[in-house]
Amino acid sequence: MNGIISKSLNDIFSSMIIGFVLKVGLGSIALWIILLSLFWDFYSSFVEAIIAKIPFVGDFQWVQTSGTLILSVILGYMLIIITVSILTSIYSEPILIKLAKKHYPDIEVVGTPNITTSLILTIKASLIFLGLLIISIPIIFIPIIGQLWMLWLWSILSKEPTAYDVGALFINDNDVLKKKQKNSRVISLLASLFNYIPILNIFAPIFAQILFLHSILKDR
């Protein structure tokens, strides 16, 4: 695992990856700044409604007043990361192939991810992530427990989509792919640590893909 992490870190800070992440990340940030600016009243009303339904705390007026802004920022941040994940899933294939050829020149590309399947997996993971986040909002404010819970939630975003997007390029045997996916939860958790680092958080989706790429190709 140490070799996989070191290779992935070297890759993630290459000019090719940085350029890709900046395009995807800045594009996602700009998109949500525009959308939330246009629909802020609707968005803040939606957040207020969520807070009002939180058990034990939602009935307090001061929580609704002060919590709306905090939760609006948190959810806005989540929407940006989800968008980065979706765009990474769609556009990262050429980068993954280049990295595979660089580190494993004898590896052949045996397929390509189906864009519809890829989007369905990413959107499904995003909806599960948002759903669990919303119903567990009180938990995320508990020291340590909240951070560990968020780390697990972040891993949901990348686990299944990453395994499919990367695996479909280099493995056409489903049994082999399932064996290779055993480390996908650990890989997703490692990549999710980036979400706690400002600016570097937009690297999390592509970092998960690169980690998984090295994980499935290192012994081939």
C-alpha atoms as a PDB file:
ATOM      1  CA  MET A   1       0.000   0.000   0.000  1.00  0.00           C
ATOM      2  CA  ASN A   2       2.899   2.381   0.734  1.00  0.00           C
ATOM      3  CA  GLY A   3       4.149   2.018  -2.840  1.00  0.00           C
ATOM      4  CA  ILE A   4       0.672   2.708  -4.201  1.00  0.00           C
ATOM      5  CA  ILE A   5       0.341   5.863  -2.090  1.00  0.00           C
ATOM      6  CA  SER A   6       3.793   7.211  -3.010  1.00  0.00           C
ATOM      7  CA  LYS A   7       3.224   6.654  -6.737  1.00  0.00           C
ATOM      8  CA  SER A   8      -0.204   8.249  -6.531  1.00  0.00           C
ATOM      9  CA  LEU A   9       1.113  11.311  -4.699  1.00  0.00           C
ATOM     10  CA  ASN A  10       3.812  11.764  -7.343  1.00  0.00           C
ATOM     11  CA  ASP A  11       1.167  11.530 -10.052  1.00  0.00           C
ATOM     12  CA  ILE A  12      -1.349  13.834  -8.392  1.00  0.00           C
ATOM     13  CA  PHE A  13       1.049  16.762  -8.309  1.00  0.00           C
ATOM     14  CA  SER A  14       2.177  16.444 -11.925  1.00  0.00           C
ATOM     15  CA  SER A  15       1.379  19.337 -14.261  1.00  0.00           C
ATOM     16  CA  MET A  16      -1.073  17.162 -16.222  1.00  0.00           C
ATOM     17  CA  ILE A  17      -3.178  16.345 -13.152  1.00  0.00           C
ATOM     18  CA  ILE A  18      -2.980  19.842 -11.678  1.00  0.00           C
ATOM     19  CA  GLY A  19      -4.174  21.342 -14.964  1.00  0.00           C
ATOM     20  CA  PHE A  20      -7.071  18.888 -15.167  1.00  0.00           C
ATOM     21  CA  VAL A  21      -8.128  19.434 -11.555  1.00  0.00           C
ATOM     22  CA  LEU A  22      -8.008  23.218 -11.862  1.00  0.00           C
ATOM     23  CA  LYS A  23     -10.288  23.123 -14.896  1.00  0.00           C
ATOM     24  CA  VAL A  24     -12.765  20.769 -13.245  1.00  0.00           C
ATOM     25  CA  GLY A  25     -12.540  22.404  -9.814  1.00  0.00           C
ATOM     26  CA  LEU A  26     -12.776  26.032 -10.897  1.00  0.00           C
ATOM     27  CA  GLY A  27     -15.567  25.157 -13.318  1.00  0.00           C
ATOM     28  CA  SER A  28     -17.555  23.479 -10.528  1.00  0.00           C
ATOM     29  CA  ILE A  29     -17.006  26.388  -8.138  1.00  0.00           C
ATOM     30  CA  ALA A  30     -18.067  28.933 -10.768  1.00  0.00           C
ATOM     31  CA  LEU A  31     -21.156  26.885 -11.640  1.00  0.00           C
ATOM     32  CA  TRP A  32     -22.439  26.754  -8.065  1.00  0.00           C
ATOM     33  CA  ILE A  33     -21.598  30.373  -7.292  1.00  0.00           C
ATOM     34  CA  ILE A  34     -23.773  31.374 -10.251  1.00  0.00           C
ATOM     35  CA  LEU A  35     -26.606  28.940  -9.449  1.00  0.00           C
ATOM     36  CA  LEU A  36     -26.737  29.739  -5.736  1.00  0.00           C
ATOM     37  CA  SER A  37     -26.583  33.468  -6.441  1.00  0.00           C
ATOM     38  CA  LEU A  38     -29.562  33.174  -8.784  1.00  0.00           C
ATOM     39  CA  PHE A  39     -31.624  30.906  -6.537  1.00  0.00           C
ATOM     40  CA  TRP A  40     -30.397  31.885  -3.064  1.00  0.00           C
ATOM     41  CA  ASP A  41     -33.844  32.582  -1.594  1.00  0.00           C
ATOM     42  CA  PHE A  42     -35.118  29.164  -2.639  1.00  0.00           C
ATOM     43  CA  TYR A  43     -31.897  27.496  -1.462  1.00  0.00           C
ATOM     44  CA  SER A  44     -31.892  29.167   1.972  1.00  0.00           C
ATOM     45  CA  SER A  45     -35.592  28.340   2.439  1.00  0.00           C
ATOM     46  CA  PHE A  46     -34.807  24.708   1.629  1.00  0.00           C
ATOM     47  CA  VAL A  47     -31.992  24.697   4.203  1.00  0.00           C
ATOM     48  CA  GLU A  48     -34.265  26.288   6.823  1.00  0.00           C
ATOM     49  CA  ALA A  49     -36.818  23.551   6.201  1.00  0.00           C
ATOM     50  CA  ILE A  50     -34.121  20.903   6.735  1.00  0.00           C
ATOM     51  CA  ILE A  51     -33.005  22.494  10.010  1.00  0.00           C
ATOM     52  CA  ALA A  52     -36.587  22.694  11.264  1.00  0.00           C
ATOM     53  CA  LYS A  53     -36.903  18.917  10.872  1.00  0.00           C
ATOM     54  CA  ILE A  54     -33.720  18.083  12.804  1.00  0.00           C
ATOM     55  CA  PRO A  55     -34.725  16.183  15.983  1.00  0.00           C
ATOM     56  CA  PHE A  56     -34.330  18.027  19.318  1.00  0.00           C
ATOM     57  CA  VAL A  57     -32.728  21.192  17.891  1.00  0.00           C
ATOM     58  CA  GLY A  58     -34.929  22.170  14.965  1.00  0.00           C
ATOM     59  CA  ASP A  59     -37.565  23.843  17.173  1.00  0.00           C
ATOM     60  CA  PHE A  60     -35.160  26.442  18.563  1.00  0.00           C
ATOM     61  CA  GLN A  61     -35.409  29.753  16.710  1.00  0.00           C
ATOM     62  CA  TRP A  62     -31.775  30.710  17.332  1.00  0.00           C
ATOM     63  CA  VAL A  63     -30.649  27.422  15.789  1.00  0.00           C
ATOM     64  CA  GLN A  64     -32.734  28.089  12.694  1.00  0.00           C
ATOM     65  CA  THR A  65     -31.384  31.636  12.406  1.00  0.00           C
ATOM     66  CA  SER A  66     -27.672  30.958  12.915  1.00  0.00           C
ATOM     67  CA  GLY A  67     -27.689  27.447  11.527  1.00  0.00           C
ATOM     68  CA  THR A  68     -29.120  28.362   8.139  1.00  0.00           C
ATOM     69  CA  LEU A  69     -26.001  30.176   6.974  1.00  0.00           C
ATOM     70  CA  ILE A  70     -23.634  27.520   8.342  1.00  0.00           C
ATOM     71  CA  LEU A  71     -25.555  24.645   6.796  1.00  0.00           C
ATOM     72  CA  SER A  72     -25.987  26.564   3.527  1.00  0.00           C
ATOM     73  CA  VAL A  73     -22.213  26.886   3.242  1.00  0.00           C
ATOM     74  CA  ILE A  74     -21.674  23.216   4.152  1.00  0.00           C
ATOM     75  CA  LEU A  75     -24.202  21.958   1.601  1.00  0.00           C
ATOM     76  CA  GLY A  76     -22.835  24.346  -1.028  1.00  0.00           C
ATOM     77  CA  TYR A  77     -19.380  22.904  -0.434  1.00  0.00           C
ATOM     78  CA  MET A  78     -20.762  19.377  -0.776  1.00  0.00           C
ATOM     79  CA  LEU A  79     -22.472  20.264  -4.064  1.00  0.00           C
ATOM     80  CA  ILE A  80     -19.178  21.558  -5.458  1.00  0.00           C
ATOM     81  CA  ILE A  81     -17.338  18.351  -4.525  1.00  0.00           C
ATOM     82  CA  ILE A  82     -20.134  16.220  -5.987  1.00  0.00           C
ATOM     83  CA  THR A  83     -19.902  18.180  -9.245  1.00  0.00           C
ATOM     84  CA  VAL A  84     -16.124  17.721  -9.289  1.00  0.00           C
ATOM     85  CA  SER A  85     -16.689  13.974  -8.835  1.00  0.00           C
ATOM     86  CA  ILE A  86     -19.152  13.819 -11.727  1.00  0.00           C
ATOM     87  CA  LEU A  87     -16.913  15.800 -14.098  1.00  0.00           C
ATOM     88  CA  THR A  88     -13.876  13.743 -13.086  1.00  0.00           C
ATOM     89  CA  SER A  89     -15.788  10.551 -13.819  1.00  0.00           C
ATOM     90  CA  ILE A  90     -16.716  11.840 -17.277  1.00  0.00           C
ATOM     91  CA  TYR A  91     -13.411  13.343 -18.419  1.00  0.00           C
ATOM     92  CA  SER A  92     -10.588  11.482 -16.630  1.00  0.00           C
ATOM     93  CA  GLU A  93     -10.265   8.498 -18.991  1.00  0.00           C
ATOM     94  CA  PRO A  94      -7.422   9.921 -21.184  1.00  0.00           C
ATOM     95  CA  ILE A  95      -5.440  10.836 -18.066  1.00  0.00           C
ATOM     96  CA  LEU A  96      -5.819   7.372 -16.544  1.00  0.00           C
ATOM     97  CA  ILE A  97      -4.661   5.746 -19.786  1.00  0.00           C
ATOM     98  CA  LYS A  98      -1.599   8.026 -19.951  1.00  0.00           C
ATOM     99  CA  LEU A  99      -0.675   7.214 -16.361  1.00  0.00           C
ATOM    100  CA  ALA A 100      -1.121   3.488 -16.979  1.00  0.00           C
ATOM    101  CA  LYS A 101       1.149   3.632 -20.047  1.00  0.00           C
ATOM    102  CA  LYS A 102       3.720   5.613 -18.083  1.00  0.00           C
ATOM    103  CA  HIS A 103       3.966   3.221 -15.124  1.00  0.00           C
ATOM    104  CA  TYR A 104       2.897  -0.056 -16.760  1.00  0.00           C
ATOM    105  CA  PRO A 105       3.864   0.143 -20.460  1.00  0.00           C
ATOM    106  CA  ASP A 106       2.886  -3.476 -21.138  1.00  0.00           C
ATOM    107  CA  ILE A 107      -0.680  -2.981 -19.928  1.00  0.00           C
ATOM    108  CA  GLU A 108      -3.343  -2.921 -22.626  1.00  0.00           C
ATOM    109  CA  VAL A 109      -6.558  -0.940 -22.540  1.00  0.00           C
ATOM    110  CA  VAL A 110      -9.286  -3.574 -22.896  1.00  0.00           C
ATOM    111  CA  GLY A 111     -12.408  -1.439 -22.749  1.00  0.00           C
ATOM    112  CA  THR A 112     -13.955   1.883 -21.883  1.00  0.00           C
ATOM    113  CA  PRO A 113     -16.476   2.842 -19.200  1.00  0.00           C
ATOM    114  CA  ASN A 114     -20.032   3.240 -20.430  1.00  0.00           C
ATOM    115  CA  ILE A 115     -20.844   6.918 -19.891  1.00  0.00           C
ATOM    116  CA  THR A 116     -24.433   6.178 -18.880  1.00  0.00           C
ATOM    117  CA  THR A 117     -23.404   3.546 -16.333  1.00  0.00           C
ATOM    118  CA  SER A 118     -20.686   5.821 -15.008  1.00  0.00           C
ATOM    119  CA  LEU A 119     -23.117   8.709 -14.542  1.00  0.00           C
ATOM    120  CA  ILE A 120     -25.736   6.479 -12.911  1.00  0.00           C
ATOM    121  CA  LEU A 121     -23.196   5.142 -10.400  1.00  0.00           C
ATOM    122  CA  THR A 122     -21.886   8.629  -9.622  1.00  0.00           C
ATOM    123  CA  ILE A 123     -25.336  10.182  -9.261  1.00  0.00           C
ATOM    124  CA  LYS A 124     -26.527   7.242  -7.126  1.00  0.00           C
ATOM    125  CA  ALA A 125     -23.507   7.603  -4.841  1.00  0.00           C
ATOM    126  CA  SER A 126     -24.091  11.376  -4.662  1.00  0.00           C
ATOM    127  CA  LEU A 127     -27.751  10.965  -3.691  1.00  0.00           C
ATOM    128  CA  ILE A 128     -26.893   8.388  -1.010  1.00  0.00           C
ATOM    129  CA  PHE A 129     -24.188  10.719   0.293  1.00  0.00           C
ATOM    130  CA  LEU A 130     -26.515  13.746   0.450  1.00  0.00           C
ATOM    131  CA  GLY A 131     -29.367  11.728   1.946  1.00  0.00           C
ATOM    132  CA  LEU A 132     -27.218  10.308   4.742  1.00  0.00           C
ATOM    133  CA  LEU A 133     -25.633  13.711   5.333  1.00  0.00           C
ATOM    134  CA  ILE A 134     -28.978  15.482   5.721  1.00  0.00           C
ATOM    135  CA  ILE A 135     -30.456  12.944   8.147  1.00  0.00           C
ATOM    136  CA  SER A 136     -27.267  12.860  10.231  1.00  0.00           C
ATOM    137  CA  ILE A 137     -26.523  16.594  10.457  1.00  0.00           C
ATOM    138  CA  PRO A 138     -26.359  16.608  14.306  1.00  0.00           C
ATOM    139  CA  ILE A 139     -23.667  13.904  14.205  1.00  0.00           C
ATOM    140  CA  ILE A 140     -21.225  15.934  12.092  1.00  0.00           C
ATOM    141  CA  PHE A 141     -20.901  18.546  14.856  1.00  0.00           C
ATOM    142  CA  ILE A 142     -19.759  15.980  17.443  1.00  0.00           C
ATOM    143  CA  PRO A 143     -15.941  16.227  17.840  1.00  0.00           C
ATOM    144  CA  ILE A 144     -13.983  13.283  16.397  1.00  0.00           C
ATOM    145  CA  ILE A 145     -17.114  11.181  15.831  1.00  0.00           C
ATOM    146  CA  GLY A 146     -18.409  13.762  13.379  1.00  0.00           C
ATOM    147  CA  GLN A 147     -15.125  13.859  11.489  1.00  0.00           C
ATOM    148  CA  LEU A 148     -14.931  10.072  11.256  1.00  0.00           C
ATOM    149  CA  TRP A 149     -18.546   9.914  10.112  1.00  0.00           C
ATOM    150  CA  MET A 150     -17.885  12.530   7.413  1.00  0.00           C
ATOM    151  CA  LEU A 151     -14.813  10.617   6.248  1.00  0.00           C
ATOM    152  CA  TRP A 152     -16.953   7.518   5.762  1.00  0.00           C
ATOM    153  CA  LEU A 153     -19.632   9.553   3.963  1.00  0.00           C
ATOM    154  CA  TRP A 154     -17.025  11.055   1.630  1.00  0.00           C
ATOM    155  CA  SER A 155     -15.806   7.560   0.765  1.00  0.00           C
ATOM    156  CA  ILE A 156     -19.280   6.683  -0.541  1.00  0.00           C
ATOM    157  CA  LEU A 157     -18.858   9.290  -3.273  1.00  0.00           C
ATOM    158  CA  SER A 158     -15.834   7.604  -4.795  1.00  0.00           C
ATOM    159  CA  LYS A 159     -15.944   3.891  -3.899  1.00  0.00           C
ATOM    160  CA  GLU A 160     -18.276   2.383  -6.515  1.00  0.00           C
ATOM    161  CA  PRO A 161     -17.841   4.968  -9.327  1.00  0.00           C
ATOM    162  CA  THR A 162     -14.047   4.811  -9.060  1.00  0.00           C
ATOM    163  CA  ALA A 163     -13.930   1.015  -9.173  1.00  0.00           C
ATOM    164  CA  TYR A 164     -16.069   1.030 -12.322  1.00  0.00           C
ATOM    165  CA  ASP A 165     -14.399   3.946 -14.144  1.00  0.00           C
ATOM    166  CA  VAL A 166     -10.882   2.584 -13.669  1.00  0.00           C
ATOM    167  CA  GLY A 167     -11.616  -1.135 -13.753  1.00  0.00           C
ATOM    168  CA  ALA A 168     -13.530  -0.988 -17.041  1.00  0.00           C
ATOM    169  CA  LEU A 169     -10.413   0.326 -18.786  1.00  0.00           C
ATOM    170  CA  PHE A 170      -8.049  -2.495 -17.886  1.00  0.00           C
ATOM    171  CA  ILE A 171     -10.041  -5.532 -16.699  1.00  0.00           C
ATOM    172  CA  ASN A 172     -12.732  -7.326 -18.684  1.00  0.00           C
ATOM    173  CA  ASP A 173     -13.086 -10.291 -16.323  1.00  0.00           C
ATOM    174  CA  ASN A 174     -15.725  -9.505 -13.675  1.00  0.00           C
ATOM    175  CA  ASP A 175     -14.355 -12.086 -11.232  1.00  0.00           C
ATOM    176  CA  VAL A 176     -10.882 -10.555 -11.412  1.00  0.00           C
ATOM    177  CA  LEU A 177     -12.328  -7.063 -11.021  1.00  0.00           C
ATOM    178  CA  LYS A 178     -14.290  -8.077  -7.921  1.00  0.00           C
ATOM    179  CA  LYS A 179     -11.088  -9.374  -6.322  1.00  0.00           C
ATOM    180  CA  LYS A 180      -9.301  -6.140  -7.164  1.00  0.00           C
ATOM    181  CA  GLN A 181     -12.140  -4.129  -5.623  1.00  0.00           C
ATOM    182  CA  LYS A 182     -11.482  -5.493  -2.137  1.00  0.00           C
ATOM    183  CA  ASN A 183      -9.280  -2.498  -1.333  1.00  0.00           C
ATOM    184  CA  SER A 184     -11.691   0.034  -2.813  1.00  0.00           C
ATOM    185  CA  ARG A 185     -13.113   1.082   0.580  1.00  0.00           C
ATOM    186  CA  VAL A 186      -9.638   1.714   2.010  1.00  0.00           C
ATOM    187  CA  ILE A 187      -8.661   3.594  -1.146  1.00  0.00           C
ATOM    188  CA  SER A 188     -11.807   5.712  -0.967  1.00  0.00           C
ATOM    189  CA  LEU A 189     -11.146   6.559   2.682  1.00  0.00           C
ATOM    190  CA  LEU A 190      -7.559   7.575   1.901  1.00  0.00           C
ATOM    191  CA  ALA A 191      -8.642   9.784  -0.982  1.00  0.00           C
ATOM    192  CA  SER A 192     -11.388  11.314   1.166  1.00  0.00           C
ATOM    193  CA  LEU A 193      -8.767  12.726   3.534  1.00  0.00           C
ATOM    194  CA  PHE A 194      -8.141  15.370   0.858  1.00  0.00           C
ATOM    195  CA  ASN A 195     -11.586  16.795   1.629  1.00  0.00           C
ATOM    196  CA  TYR A 196     -10.263  18.120   4.939  1.00  0.00           C
ATOM    197  CA  ILE A 197      -7.536  20.163   3.230  1.00  0.00           C
ATOM    198  CA  PRO A 198      -8.645  23.474   1.678  1.00  0.00           C
ATOM    199  CA  ILE A 199      -7.909  23.753  -2.065  1.00  0.00           C
ATOM    200  CA  LEU A 200      -6.566  20.183  -2.193  1.00  0.00           C
ATOM    201  CA  ASN A 201     -10.100  18.880  -1.636  1.00  0.00           C
ATOM    202  CA  ILE A 202     -10.841  19.199  -5.359  1.00  0.00           C
ATOM    203  CA  PHE A 203      -8.092  16.599  -5.947  1.00  0.00           C
ATOM    204  CA  ALA A 204      -9.964  13.885  -3.991  1.00  0.00           C
ATOM    205  CA  PRO A 205     -11.925  12.292  -6.890  1.00  0.00           C
ATOM    206  CA  ILE A 206      -8.967  11.990  -9.280  1.00  0.00           C
ATOM    207  CA  PHE A 207      -6.703  10.886  -6.404  1.00  0.00           C
ATOM    208  CA  ALA A 208      -9.107   8.021  -5.673  1.00  0.00           C
ATOM    209  CA  GLN A 209      -8.974   6.973  -9.334  1.00  0.00           C
ATOM    210  CA  ILE A 210      -5.174   7.081  -9.419  1.00  0.00           C
ATOM    211  CA  LEU A 211      -4.913   5.088  -6.185  1.00  0.00           C
ATOM    212  CA  PHE A 212      -7.243   2.446  -7.579  1.00  0.00           C
ATOM    213  CA  LEU A 213      -5.362   2.378 -10.889  1.00  0.00           C
ATOM    214  CA  HIS A 214      -2.090   1.545  -9.123  1.00  0.00           C
ATOM    215  CA  SER A 215      -3.886  -0.924  -6.858  1.00  0.00           C
ATOM    216  CA  ILE A 216      -5.274  -3.032  -9.723  1.00  0.00           C
ATOM    217  CA  LEU A 217      -2.255  -2.771 -12.038  1.00  0.00           C
ATOM    218  CA  LYS A 218       0.698  -3.130  -9.665  1.00  0.00           C
ATOM    219  CA  ASP A 219       0.824  -6.940  -9.921  1.00  0.00           C
ATOM    220  CA  ARG A 220       0.040  -7.265 -13.610  1.00  0.00           C
END
